[in-house]
C-alpha atoms as a PDB file:
ATOM      1  CA  GLY A   1      -9.105 149.998-153.573  1.00  0.00           C
ATOM      2  CA  LEU A   2      -7.273 150.574-156.832  1.00  0.00           C
ATOM      3  CA  ILE A   3      -4.401 152.421-155.157  1.00  0.00           C
ATOM      4  CA  PRO A   4      -3.326 149.491-152.933  1.00  0.00           C
ATOM      5  CA  ILE A   5      -3.746 147.095-155.874  1.00  0.00           C
ATOM      6  CA  ALA A   6      -1.522 149.310-158.041  1.00  0.00           C
ATOM      7  CA  LEU A   7       1.056 149.494-155.236  1.00  0.00           C
ATOM      8  CA  GLY A   8       0.919 145.704-154.867  1.00  0.00           C
ATOM      9  CA  ILE A   9       1.451 145.141-158.577  1.00  0.00           C
ATOM     10  CA  ARG A  10       4.298 147.645-158.567  1.00  0.00           C
ATOM     11  CA  ALA A  11       5.886 145.849-155.591  1.00  0.00           C
ATOM     12  CA  LEU A  12       5.477 142.451-157.293  1.00  0.00           C
ATOM     13  CA  ILE A  13       7.203 143.759-160.420  1.00  0.00           C
ATOM     14  CA  ALA A  14      10.040 145.198-158.333  1.00  0.00           C
ATOM     15  CA  LEU A  15      10.298 141.921-156.427  1.00  0.00           C
ATOM     16  CA  ALA A  16      10.505 139.936-159.667  1.00  0.00           C
ATOM     17  CA  ARG A  17      13.211 142.224-161.057  1.00  0.00           C
ATOM     18  CA  ARG A  18      15.495 142.177-158.034  1.00  0.00           C
ATOM     19  CA  THR A  19      18.553 139.983-157.736  1.00  0.00           C
ATOM     20  CA  PRO A  20      18.678 137.157-155.160  1.00  0.00           C
ATOM     21  CA  ALA A  21      21.305 139.063-153.156  1.00  0.00           C
ATOM     22  CA  ASP A  22      19.085 142.155-152.926  1.00  0.00           C
ATOM     23  CA  ARG A  23      17.187 141.993-149.608  1.00  0.00           C
ATOM     24  CA  SER A  24      15.616 145.440-149.804  1.00  0.00           C
ATOM     25  CA  VAL A  25      11.911 146.114-149.515  1.00  0.00           C
ATOM     26  CA  PRO A  26      10.206 146.826-152.854  1.00  0.00           C
ATOM     27  CA  PRO A  27       9.664 150.521-153.577  1.00  0.00           C
ATOM     28  CA  ALA A  28       5.958 150.464-152.611  1.00  0.00           C
ATOM     29  CA  SER A  29       6.860 151.787-149.203  1.00  0.00           C
ATOM     30  CA  GLY A  30       7.306 155.342-148.032  1.00  0.00           C
ATOM     31  CA  PHE A  31       5.209 158.407-147.403  1.00  0.00           C
ATOM     32  CA  PHE A  32       3.187 158.600-150.629  1.00  0.00           C
ATOM     33  CA  SER A  33       2.423 154.883-150.717  1.00  0.00           C
ATOM     34  CA  SER A  34       1.295 155.024-147.098  1.00  0.00           C
ATOM     35  CA  LEU A  35      -0.758 158.133-147.820  1.00  0.00           C
ATOM     36  CA  GLY A  36      -2.448 156.440-150.774  1.00  0.00           C
ATOM     37  CA  VAL A  37      -3.375 153.364-148.760  1.00  0.00           C
ATOM     38  CA  THR A  38      -4.542 155.493-145.821  1.00  0.00           C
ATOM     39  CA  LEU A  39      -6.776 157.592-148.058  1.00  0.00           C
ATOM     40  CA  SER A  40      -8.197 154.534-149.776  1.00  0.00           C
ATOM     41  CA  LEU A  41      -9.074 153.012-146.406  1.00  0.00           C
ATOM     42  CA  SER A  42     -10.540 156.200-144.952  1.00  0.00           C
ATOM     43  CA  GLY A  43     -14.038 155.872-146.384  1.00  0.00           C
ATOM     44  CA  ASP A  44     -15.286 153.968-143.363  1.00  0.00           C
ATOM     45  CA  ASN A  45     -13.771 156.561-141.037  1.00  0.00           C
ATOM     46  CA  VAL A  46     -15.571 159.352-142.852  1.00  0.00           C
ATOM     47  CA  ALA A  47     -18.825 157.361-142.668  1.00  0.00           C
ATOM     48  CA  VAL A  48     -18.432 157.011-138.902  1.00  0.00           C
ATOM     49  CA  TYR A  49     -17.064 160.407-137.907  1.00  0.00           C
ATOM     50  CA  LEU A  50     -18.975 162.699-140.257  1.00  0.00           C
ATOM     51  CA  PRO A  51     -22.391 162.132-138.594  1.00  0.00           C
ATOM     52  CA  ILE A  52     -20.804 162.515-135.149  1.00  0.00           C
ATOM     53  CA  LEU A  53     -19.112 165.753-136.150  1.00  0.00           C
ATOM     54  CA  ALA A  54     -22.266 167.036-137.879  1.00  0.00           C
ATOM     55  CA  THR A  55     -24.712 166.283-135.063  1.00  0.00           C
ATOM     56  CA  GLY A  56     -22.577 166.039-131.935  1.00  0.00           C
ATOM     57  CA  GLY A  57     -21.872 169.718-131.585  1.00  0.00           C
ATOM     58  CA  LEU A  58     -18.592 171.096-130.327  1.00  0.00           C
ATOM     59  CA  VAL A  59     -18.318 168.769-127.318  1.00  0.00           C
ATOM     60  CA  GLY A  60     -19.299 165.605-129.200  1.00  0.00           C
ATOM     61  CA  GLY A  61     -17.002 166.438-132.096  1.00  0.00           C
ATOM     62  CA  THR A  62     -14.119 167.213-129.779  1.00  0.00           C
ATOM     63  CA  VAL A  63     -14.602 163.957-127.880  1.00  0.00           C
ATOM     64  CA  ALA A  64     -14.727 162.006-131.161  1.00  0.00           C
ATOM     65  CA  VAL A  65     -11.553 163.619-132.524  1.00  0.00           C
ATOM     66  CA  VAL A  66      -9.641 163.262-129.233  1.00  0.00           C
ATOM     67  CA  THR A  67     -10.734 159.618-128.935  1.00  0.00           C
ATOM     68  CA  TRP A  68      -9.569 158.927-132.474  1.00  0.00           C
ATOM     69  CA  LEU A  69      -6.221 160.677-131.862  1.00  0.00           C
ATOM     70  CA  VAL A  70      -5.567 158.776-128.620  1.00  0.00           C
ATOM     71  CA  ALA A  71      -6.443 155.439-130.225  1.00  0.00           C
ATOM     72  CA  ASP A  72      -4.249 156.246-133.218  1.00  0.00           C
ATOM     73  CA  LEU A  73      -1.320 157.225-131.000  1.00  0.00           C
ATOM     74  CA  VAL A  74      -1.670 154.013-128.969  1.00  0.00           C
ATOM     75  CA  LEU A  75      -1.618 151.936-132.159  1.00  0.00           C
ATOM     76  CA  ILE A  76       1.399 153.838-133.496  1.00  0.00           C
ATOM     77  CA  ALA A  77       3.250 153.340-130.195  1.00  0.00           C
ATOM     78  CA  ALA A  78       2.451 149.618-130.266  1.00  0.00           C
ATOM     79  CA  ALA A  79       3.671 149.334-133.858  1.00  0.00           C
ATOM     80  CA  LEU A  80       6.890 151.202-133.040  1.00  0.00           C
ATOM     81  CA  SER A  81       7.461 149.011-130.008  1.00  0.00           C
ATOM     82  CA  MET A  82       6.988 145.820-132.001  1.00  0.00           C
ATOM     83  CA  ALA A  83       9.106 147.104-134.883  1.00  0.00           C
ATOM     84  CA  SER A  84      12.028 147.874-132.580  1.00  0.00           C
ATOM     85  CA  HIS A  85      12.229 144.305-131.254  1.00  0.00           C
ATOM     86  CA  PRO A  86      15.302 142.546-132.755  1.00  0.00           C
ATOM     87  CA  LYS A  87      13.455 139.330-133.643  1.00  0.00           C
ATOM     88  CA  ALA A  88      10.625 141.266-135.275  1.00  0.00           C
ATOM     89  CA  ARG A  89      13.126 143.308-137.273  1.00  0.00           C
ATOM     90  CA  SER A  90      14.984 140.260-138.550  1.00  0.00           C
ATOM     91  CA  GLY A  91      11.718 138.503-139.408  1.00  0.00           C
ATOM     92  CA  ALA A  92      10.405 141.570-141.200  1.00  0.00           C
ATOM     93  CA  ALA A  93      13.655 141.907-143.148  1.00  0.00           C
ATOM     94  CA  ARG A  94      13.397 138.272-144.202  1.00  0.00           C
ATOM     95  CA  ILE A  95       9.702 138.024-145.147  1.00  0.00           C
ATOM     96  CA  GLY A  96       8.704 141.674-145.510  1.00  0.00           C
ATOM     97  CA  PRO A  97       9.629 141.978-149.185  1.00  0.00           C
ATOM     98  CA  LEU A  98       7.470 138.946-149.939  1.00  0.00           C
ATOM     99  CA  LEU A  99       4.505 139.986-147.782  1.00  0.00           C
ATOM    100  CA  LEU A 100       4.300 143.637-148.824  1.00  0.00           C
ATOM    101  CA  PRO A 101       2.819 143.060-152.310  1.00  0.00           C
ATOM    102  CA  ILE A 102       0.448 140.405-150.989  1.00  0.00           C
ATOM    103  CA  ILE A 103      -0.824 142.685-148.225  1.00  0.00           C
ATOM    104  CA  TYR A 104      -1.333 145.602-150.618  1.00  0.00           C
ATOM    105  CA  LEU A 105      -3.241 143.383-153.066  1.00  0.00           C
ATOM    106  CA  LEU A 106      -5.418 141.919-150.301  1.00  0.00           C
ATOM    107  CA  VAL A 107      -6.186 145.352-148.865  1.00  0.00           C
ATOM    108  CA  GLY A 108      -7.198 146.602-152.309  1.00  0.00           C
ATOM    109  CA  LEU A 109      -9.414 143.597-152.964  1.00  0.00           C
ATOM    110  CA  VAL A 110     -11.091 143.868-149.551  1.00  0.00           C
ATOM    111  CA  VAL A 111     -11.782 147.577-150.108  1.00  0.00           C
ATOM    112  CA  LEU A 112     -13.279 146.883-153.536  1.00  0.00           C
ATOM    113  CA  TYR A 113     -15.350 144.022-152.146  1.00  0.00           C
ATOM    114  CA  ARG A 114     -16.674 145.960-149.149  1.00  0.00           C
ATOM    115  CA  ALA A 115     -17.498 148.918-151.368  1.00  0.00           C
ATOM    116  CA  GLY A 116     -19.649 146.630-153.517  1.00  0.00           C
ATOM    117  CA  THR A 117     -17.417 146.998-156.555  1.00  0.00           C
ATOM    118  CA  LEU A 118     -16.596 143.285-156.720  1.00  0.00           C
END
């Protein structure tokens, strides 16, 4: 949960430092930021899939992994489809820089809360 919170704070600082004419997304986007958030949110996935992989044998493990991959690909395709829509793109360009730090901070707080840290 600390990684998304750190990314959110970093994005808020970048947002505060930018000029009004600058419409770019704060630098808390990209591969490593996404990797950090993905890893911080993966605890529940490990808790679900590890027992299936440990006790399900080859067939059960294969079914679990294939199911996860198909579901992930469907969600990625849906996200790409929505992101390519012109109205979604213009809306994201307008409010994305403001929402990004808020989303990162909320994700971090939810992870810390669900983990029993808060």
